[in-house]
């Protein structure tokens, strides 16, 4: 049996079915998704900073020896 699944999309956060013109099913999912993205971005920035500091440290040690 084939069901009619046209004319809908899925919430970017929870995956519930929603109308095609929406990205989220509720303001709560919108806020949770943006909080998750903010945390991921901050984690990526922190790793980039640690990596940069490590490379600078290795280069500095190489120049001192």
N, C-alpha and C. Protein backbone atom coordinates (compact mmCIF):
# COMPACT_ATOMS: atom_id res chain seq x y z
N UNK A 1 0.84 -1.18 0.00
CA UNK A 1 0.00 0.00 0.00
C UNK A 1 0.89 1.25 0.00
N UNK A 2 0.62 2.17 -0.89
CA UNK A 2 1.39 3.40 -1.02
C UNK A 2 0.59 4.53 -0.39
N UNK A 3 1.24 5.27 0.52
CA UNK A 3 0.55 6.41 1.13
C UNK A 3 0.99 7.69 0.44
N UNK A 4 0.17 8.70 0.56
CA UNK A 4 0.47 10.00 -0.04
C UNK A 4 1.41 10.77 0.88
N UNK A 5 2.67 10.96 0.46
CA UNK A 5 3.65 11.67 1.28
C UNK A 5 4.10 12.96 0.61
N UNK A 6 3.40 13.39 -0.41
CA UNK A 6 3.78 14.63 -1.08
C UNK A 6 3.29 15.81 -0.26
N UNK A 7 3.93 16.93 -0.44
CA UNK A 7 3.48 18.16 0.19
C UNK A 7 3.92 18.32 1.63
N UNK A 8 4.98 17.63 2.02
CA UNK A 8 5.47 17.83 3.37
C UNK A 8 7.00 17.76 3.40
N UNK A 9 7.54 18.23 4.50
CA UNK A 9 8.97 18.18 4.75
C UNK A 9 9.13 17.67 6.17
N UNK A 10 10.36 17.72 6.71
CA UNK A 10 10.58 17.26 8.07
C UNK A 10 11.31 18.32 8.87
N UNK A 11 10.94 18.43 10.14
CA UNK A 11 11.56 19.39 11.05
C UNK A 11 13.06 19.14 11.09
N UNK A 12 13.85 20.20 11.02
CA UNK A 12 15.30 20.07 11.02
C UNK A 12 15.84 19.56 12.35
N UNK A 13 15.07 19.71 13.42
CA UNK A 13 15.55 19.28 14.73
C UNK A 13 15.01 17.91 15.13
N UNK A 14 13.69 17.73 15.10
CA UNK A 14 13.12 16.48 15.62
C UNK A 14 12.68 15.50 14.54
N UNK A 15 12.53 15.97 13.30
CA UNK A 15 12.17 15.09 12.20
C UNK A 15 10.69 14.88 12.00
N UNK A 16 9.84 15.55 12.76
CA UNK A 16 8.40 15.42 12.56
C UNK A 16 8.00 15.99 11.20
N UNK A 17 6.93 15.44 10.64
CA UNK A 17 6.43 15.94 9.36
C UNK A 17 5.83 17.33 9.54
N UNK A 18 6.17 18.23 8.61
CA UNK A 18 5.68 19.61 8.65
C UNK A 18 5.37 20.06 7.22
N UNK A 19 4.65 21.18 7.05
CA UNK A 19 4.42 21.70 5.70
C UNK A 19 5.74 22.07 5.02
N UNK A 20 5.75 22.01 3.68
CA UNK A 20 6.97 22.28 2.91
C UNK A 20 7.57 23.65 3.15
N UNK A 21 6.74 24.63 3.46
CA UNK A 21 7.23 26.00 3.59
C UNK A 21 7.81 26.31 4.98
N UNK A 22 7.88 25.32 5.86
CA UNK A 22 8.44 25.52 7.20
C UNK A 22 9.72 24.71 7.35
N UNK A 23 10.59 25.17 8.25
CA UNK A 23 11.82 24.44 8.52
C UNK A 23 11.74 23.71 9.86
N UNK A 24 10.94 24.22 10.78
CA UNK A 24 10.81 23.64 12.12
C UNK A 24 9.33 23.48 12.45
N UNK A 25 9.05 22.52 13.33
CA UNK A 25 7.66 22.27 13.70
C UNK A 25 7.19 23.19 14.80
N UNK A 26 8.12 23.78 15.56
CA UNK A 26 7.75 24.67 16.65
C UNK A 26 8.90 25.62 16.97
N UNK A 27 8.59 26.63 17.74
CA UNK A 27 9.61 27.58 18.18
C UNK A 27 10.60 26.87 19.09
N UNK A 28 10.14 25.90 19.85
CA UNK A 28 11.00 25.14 20.75
C UNK A 28 12.07 24.38 19.95
N UNK A 29 11.67 23.72 18.86
CA UNK A 29 12.64 23.01 18.01
C UNK A 29 13.61 24.00 17.37
N UNK A 30 13.11 25.15 16.94
CA UNK A 30 13.96 26.18 16.36
C UNK A 30 15.03 26.61 17.36
N UNK A 31 14.60 26.91 18.60
CA UNK A 31 15.54 27.36 19.63
C UNK A 31 16.55 26.27 19.99
N UNK A 32 16.09 25.03 20.12
CA UNK A 32 17.00 23.93 20.45
C UNK A 32 18.02 23.70 19.34
N UNK A 33 17.58 23.78 18.08
CA UNK A 33 18.50 23.57 16.97
C UNK A 33 19.54 24.68 16.90
N UNK A 34 19.13 25.91 17.12
CA UNK A 34 20.08 27.01 17.08
C UNK A 34 21.05 26.94 18.26
N UNK A 35 20.60 26.47 19.41
CA UNK A 35 21.49 26.28 20.55
C UNK A 35 22.51 25.18 20.24
N UNK A 36 22.07 24.09 19.61
CA UNK A 36 22.96 23.01 19.22
C UNK A 36 24.01 23.50 18.22
N UNK A 37 23.56 24.28 17.24
CA UNK A 37 24.50 24.81 16.23
C UNK A 37 25.50 25.77 16.87
N UNK A 38 25.05 26.57 17.84
CA UNK A 38 25.95 27.50 18.53
C UNK A 38 27.02 26.73 19.30
N UNK A 39 26.61 25.66 19.99
CA UNK A 39 27.57 24.85 20.73
C UNK A 39 28.57 24.18 19.80
N UNK A 40 28.10 23.66 18.67
CA UNK A 40 29.00 23.04 17.70
C UNK A 40 30.01 24.06 17.15
N UNK A 41 29.54 25.26 16.83
CA UNK A 41 30.42 26.30 16.32
C UNK A 41 31.47 26.67 17.36
N UNK A 42 31.07 26.81 18.63
CA UNK A 42 32.02 27.14 19.69
C UNK A 42 33.05 26.03 19.89
N UNK A 43 32.62 24.78 19.78
CA UNK A 43 33.54 23.66 19.89
C UNK A 43 34.55 23.68 18.75
N UNK A 44 34.10 23.94 17.53
CA UNK A 44 35.01 24.02 16.39
C UNK A 44 36.01 25.16 16.55
N UNK A 45 35.56 26.29 17.07
CA UNK A 45 36.46 27.42 17.30
C UNK A 45 37.50 27.06 18.35
N UNK A 46 37.08 26.38 19.41
CA UNK A 46 38.00 25.99 20.47
C UNK A 46 39.06 25.03 19.94
N UNK A 47 38.65 24.04 19.13
CA UNK A 47 39.62 23.10 18.55
C UNK A 47 40.58 23.81 17.61
N UNK A 48 40.09 24.76 16.85
CA UNK A 48 40.96 25.52 15.95
C UNK A 48 41.99 26.32 16.75
N UNK A 49 41.56 26.89 17.86
CA UNK A 49 42.49 27.65 18.71
C UNK A 49 43.54 26.74 19.32
N UNK A 50 43.13 25.58 19.82
CA UNK A 50 44.08 24.64 20.41
C UNK A 50 45.08 24.18 19.36
N UNK A 51 44.60 23.87 18.17
CA UNK A 51 45.48 23.42 17.10
C UNK A 51 46.48 24.52 16.71
N UNK A 52 46.00 25.74 16.60
CA UNK A 52 46.87 26.86 16.24
C UNK A 52 47.94 27.07 17.30
N UNK A 53 47.55 27.02 18.57
CA UNK A 53 48.51 27.20 19.66
C UNK A 53 49.54 26.08 19.64
N UNK A 54 49.09 24.85 19.37
CA UNK A 54 50.02 23.72 19.31
C UNK A 54 51.02 23.89 18.18
N UNK A 55 50.56 24.30 17.02
CA UNK A 55 51.47 24.50 15.88
C UNK A 55 52.46 25.61 16.19
N UNK A 56 52.00 26.70 16.75
CA UNK A 56 52.90 27.80 17.11
C UNK A 56 53.93 27.33 18.14
N UNK A 57 53.47 26.53 19.10
CA UNK A 57 54.39 25.99 20.11
C UNK A 57 55.45 25.09 19.50
N UNK A 58 55.05 24.23 18.61
CA UNK A 58 56.00 23.33 17.95
C UNK A 58 57.01 24.13 17.12
N UNK A 59 56.53 25.13 16.39
CA UNK A 59 57.45 25.97 15.59
C UNK A 59 58.40 26.74 16.48
N UNK A 60 57.91 27.24 17.61
CA UNK A 60 58.76 28.00 18.53
C UNK A 60 59.85 27.11 19.12
N UNK A 61 59.47 25.90 19.48
CA UNK A 61 60.47 24.95 20.02
C UNK A 61 61.52 24.63 18.95
N UNK A 62 61.06 24.46 17.71
CA UNK A 62 61.98 24.19 16.61
C UNK A 62 62.96 25.33 16.38
N UNK A 63 62.51 26.55 16.53
CA UNK A 63 63.38 27.70 16.33
C UNK A 63 64.37 27.86 17.48
N UNK A 64 63.98 27.46 18.68
CA UNK A 64 64.86 27.60 19.84
C UNK A 64 65.95 26.55 19.88
N UNK A 65 65.71 25.42 19.26
CA UNK A 65 66.71 24.33 19.31
C UNK A 65 67.73 24.47 18.26
